[in-house]
Amino acid sequence: MATIDLQPKKKIIIRKLFHDNSTRIGIYFEPLALLSKKAKLIGAEWTKTFKCWHLSYNAENYRAIKIAFGDCEIEIQEGAPAVEQPAAPGVNTIGVPGPKSANRLLLQFRLIGHSGNRL
């Protein structure tokens, strides 16, 4: 008589992402100690930015994921999630100001003697 496994397969999602100035394979799954241990065994590192485990983007690591997580359902998602990467060292970046910060900037210009009419 065949046995029926009533527990559903664990699911992982792999996705290409750009992290720390390099292309990576992101491995996403619900927090489970066993799956985290498997990720560590193949050399994956945790990223707080993407909240996933990641490896260098290459065929060898892709094969390692398929072997390590062979008992899981593996979903491959196209594209990387839109997460802003930090600028290169020495590059100044500013966010898009909202109404409050724009008014604050205008006030600062007026305090140093600019009319604010020609910003």
C-alpha atoms as a PDB file:
ATOM      1  CA  MET A   1       0.000   0.000   0.000  1.00  0.00           C
ATOM      2  CA  ALA A   2       1.361   3.426  -0.961  1.00  0.00           C
ATOM      3  CA  THR A   3       1.655   6.116   1.649  1.00  0.00           C
ATOM      4  CA  ILE A   4       0.217   9.534   1.051  1.00  0.00           C
ATOM      5  CA  ASP A   5       2.169  12.559   2.202  1.00  0.00           C
ATOM      6  CA  LEU A   6      -0.413  14.926   3.655  1.00  0.00           C
ATOM      7  CA  GLN A   7       2.075  17.737   4.215  1.00  0.00           C
ATOM      8  CA  PRO A   8       2.297  20.145   1.305  1.00  0.00           C
ATOM      9  CA  LYS A   9       5.673  20.669  -0.340  1.00  0.00           C
ATOM     10  CA  LYS A  10       7.609  23.637   0.943  1.00  0.00           C
ATOM     11  CA  LYS A  11       7.773  26.392  -1.658  1.00  0.00           C
ATOM     12  CA  ILE A  12      10.740  28.576  -2.498  1.00  0.00           C
ATOM     13  CA  ILE A  13      10.926  31.397  -4.999  1.00  0.00           C
ATOM     14  CA  ILE A  14      14.122  32.258  -6.828  1.00  0.00           C
ATOM     15  CA  ARG A  15      14.555  35.593  -8.511  1.00  0.00           C
ATOM     16  CA  LYS A  16      17.370  37.504 -10.163  1.00  0.00           C
ATOM     17  CA  LEU A  17      18.307  40.615  -8.200  1.00  0.00           C
ATOM     18  CA  PHE A  18      20.993  43.279  -8.040  1.00  0.00           C
ATOM     19  CA  HIS A  19      22.649  43.587  -4.632  1.00  0.00           C
ATOM     20  CA  ASP A  20      25.997  44.991  -3.491  1.00  0.00           C
ATOM     21  CA  ASN A  21      26.867  46.045  -7.052  1.00  0.00           C
ATOM     22  CA  SER A  22      26.487  42.540  -8.470  1.00  0.00           C
ATOM     23  CA  THR A  23      23.798  40.332  -9.966  1.00  0.00           C
ATOM     24  CA  ARG A  24      22.597  37.705  -7.506  1.00  0.00           C
ATOM     25  CA  ILE A  25      20.120  34.838  -7.236  1.00  0.00           C
ATOM     26  CA  GLY A  26      17.641  35.617  -4.464  1.00  0.00           C
ATOM     27  CA  ILE A  27      16.069  32.685  -2.609  1.00  0.00           C
ATOM     28  CA  TYR A  28      12.764  33.530  -0.913  1.00  0.00           C
ATOM     29  CA  PHE A  29      10.767  31.287   1.437  1.00  0.00           C
ATOM     30  CA  GLU A  30       8.733  31.354   4.630  1.00  0.00           C
ATOM     31  CA  PRO A  31      11.045  31.383   7.667  1.00  0.00           C
ATOM     32  CA  LEU A  32      11.853  27.742   8.424  1.00  0.00           C
ATOM     33  CA  ALA A  33      15.032  26.575  10.158  1.00  0.00           C
ATOM     34  CA  LEU A  34      15.454  23.618   7.794  1.00  0.00           C
ATOM     35  CA  LEU A  35      15.294  25.788   4.662  1.00  0.00           C
ATOM     36  CA  SER A  36      17.628  28.387   6.186  1.00  0.00           C
ATOM     37  CA  LYS A  37      20.095  25.614   6.994  1.00  0.00           C
ATOM     38  CA  LYS A  38      19.951  24.408   3.375  1.00  0.00           C
ATOM     39  CA  ALA A  39      20.600  27.948   2.138  1.00  0.00           C
ATOM     40  CA  LYS A  40      23.631  28.276   4.422  1.00  0.00           C
ATOM     41  CA  LEU A  41      24.984  24.892   3.310  1.00  0.00           C
ATOM     42  CA  ILE A  42      25.177  26.046  -0.313  1.00  0.00           C
ATOM     43  CA  GLY A  43      26.918  29.273   0.715  1.00  0.00           C
ATOM     44  CA  ALA A  44      23.991  31.688   0.575  1.00  0.00           C
ATOM     45  CA  GLU A  45      24.058  34.855   2.659  1.00  0.00           C
ATOM     46  CA  TRP A  46      21.121  36.740   4.190  1.00  0.00           C
ATOM     47  CA  THR A  47      20.279  40.242   2.951  1.00  0.00           C
ATOM     48  CA  LYS A  48      18.153  42.552   5.087  1.00  0.00           C
ATOM     49  CA  THR A  49      17.550  44.770   2.045  1.00  0.00           C
ATOM     50  CA  PHE A  50      15.697  42.100   0.058  1.00  0.00           C
ATOM     51  CA  LYS A  51      14.801  39.873   3.035  1.00  0.00           C
ATOM     52  CA  CYS A  52      16.081  36.754   1.305  1.00  0.00           C
ATOM     53  CA  TRP A  53      19.086  34.484   0.967  1.00  0.00           C
ATOM     54  CA  HIS A  54      21.321  35.178  -2.037  1.00  0.00           C
ATOM     55  CA  LEU A  55      24.129  33.689  -4.110  1.00  0.00           C
ATOM     56  CA  SER A  56      26.212  34.840  -7.060  1.00  0.00           C
ATOM     57  CA  TYR A  57      24.285  34.669 -10.321  1.00  0.00           C
ATOM     58  CA  ASN A  58      25.745  31.685 -12.183  1.00  0.00           C
ATOM     59  CA  ALA A  59      24.761  28.248 -13.460  1.00  0.00           C
ATOM     60  CA  GLU A  60      26.675  26.401 -10.735  1.00  0.00           C
ATOM     61  CA  ASN A  61      24.709  28.119  -7.963  1.00  0.00           C
ATOM     62  CA  TYR A  62      21.447  27.577  -9.817  1.00  0.00           C
ATOM     63  CA  ARG A  63      22.219  23.827  -9.935  1.00  0.00           C
ATOM     64  CA  ALA A  64      23.149  23.891  -6.218  1.00  0.00           C
ATOM     65  CA  ILE A  65      19.763  25.437  -5.410  1.00  0.00           C
ATOM     66  CA  LYS A  66      17.942  22.777  -7.438  1.00  0.00           C
ATOM     67  CA  ILE A  67      19.808  20.006  -5.613  1.00  0.00           C
ATOM     68  CA  ALA A  68      19.599  21.466  -2.091  1.00  0.00           C
ATOM     69  CA  PHE A  69      15.918  22.350  -2.430  1.00  0.00           C
ATOM     70  CA  GLY A  70      14.982  19.334  -4.559  1.00  0.00           C
ATOM     71  CA  ASP A  71      12.237  18.319  -2.124  1.00  0.00           C
ATOM     72  CA  CYS A  72      10.617  21.765  -2.441  1.00  0.00           C
ATOM     73  CA  GLU A  73       8.423  23.337  -5.061  1.00  0.00           C
ATOM     74  CA  ILE A  74      10.682  25.848  -6.834  1.00  0.00           C
ATOM     75  CA  GLU A  75       9.090  28.846  -8.529  1.00  0.00           C
ATOM     76  CA  ILE A  76      11.276  30.962 -10.788  1.00  0.00           C
ATOM     77  CA  GLN A  77      10.192  34.584 -11.063  1.00  0.00           C
ATOM     78  CA  GLU A  78      11.434  36.868 -13.803  1.00  0.00           C
ATOM     79  CA  GLY A  79      12.993  40.221 -13.086  1.00  0.00           C
ATOM     80  CA  ALA A  80      14.228  41.854  -9.961  1.00  0.00           C
ATOM     81  CA  PRO A  81      12.089  43.686  -7.458  1.00  0.00           C
ATOM     82  CA  ALA A  82      12.415  47.455  -7.590  1.00  0.00           C
ATOM     83  CA  VAL A  83      14.622  48.299  -4.640  1.00  0.00           C
ATOM     84  CA  GLU A  84      16.848  51.327  -4.758  1.00  0.00           C
ATOM     85  CA  GLN A  85      20.544  50.567  -4.495  1.00  0.00           C
ATOM     86  CA  PRO A  86      22.855  52.949  -2.660  1.00  0.00           C
ATOM     87  CA  ALA A  87      24.905  55.331  -4.772  1.00  0.00           C
ATOM     88  CA  ALA A  88      28.548  54.708  -5.465  1.00  0.00           C
ATOM     89  CA  PRO A  89      30.936  56.203  -2.903  1.00  0.00           C
ATOM     90  CA  GLY A  90      31.428  59.924  -3.413  1.00  0.00           C
ATOM     91  CA  VAL A  91      28.171  60.395  -5.348  1.00  0.00           C
ATOM     92  CA  ASN A  92      25.669  62.728  -3.743  1.00  0.00           C
ATOM     93  CA  THR A  93      22.042  61.741  -4.088  1.00  0.00           C
ATOM     94  CA  ILE A  94      18.901  63.403  -2.843  1.00  0.00           C
ATOM     95  CA  GLY A  95      15.392  62.059  -2.711  1.00  0.00           C
ATOM     96  CA  VAL A  96      12.461  63.700  -4.396  1.00  0.00           C
ATOM     97  CA  PRO A  97      11.294  66.243  -1.856  1.00  0.00           C
ATOM     98  CA  GLY A  98       7.730  66.238  -0.653  1.00  0.00           C
ATOM     99  CA  PRO A  99       5.810  69.471  -0.038  1.00  0.00           C
ATOM    100  CA  LYS A 100       7.169  69.899   3.511  1.00  0.00           C
ATOM    101  CA  SER A 101      10.811  69.482   2.529  1.00  0.00           C
ATOM    102  CA  ALA A 102      10.357  71.767  -0.495  1.00  0.00           C
ATOM    103  CA  ASN A 103       8.928  74.477   1.753  1.00  0.00           C
ATOM    104  CA  ARG A 104      11.767  73.941   4.222  1.00  0.00           C
ATOM    105  CA  LEU A 105      14.325  74.321   1.417  1.00  0.00           C
ATOM    106  CA  LEU A 106      12.626  77.511   0.198  1.00  0.00           C
ATOM    107  CA  LEU A 107      12.711  78.898   3.759  1.00  0.00           C
ATOM    108  CA  GLN A 108      16.439  78.131   4.016  1.00  0.00           C
ATOM    109  CA  PHE A 109      17.116  80.026   0.776  1.00  0.00           C
ATOM    110  CA  ARG A 110      15.155  83.017   2.023  1.00  0.00           C
ATOM    111  CA  LEU A 111      17.091  82.987   5.311  1.00  0.00           C
ATOM    112  CA  ILE A 112      20.392  83.324   3.435  1.00  0.00           C
ATOM    113  CA  GLY A 113      19.108  86.183   1.313  1.00  0.00           C
ATOM    114  CA  HIS A 114      17.641  84.592  -1.827  1.00  0.00           C
ATOM    115  CA  SER A 115      14.173  85.625  -2.895  1.00  0.00           C
ATOM    116  CA  GLY A 116      13.141  82.090  -3.762  1.00  0.00           C
ATOM    117  CA  ASN A 117      11.553  83.290  -7.016  1.00  0.00           C
ATOM    118  CA  ARG A 118      14.310  81.882  -9.230  1.00  0.00           C
ATOM    119  CA  LEU A 119      15.305  78.521  -7.760  1.00  0.00           C
END
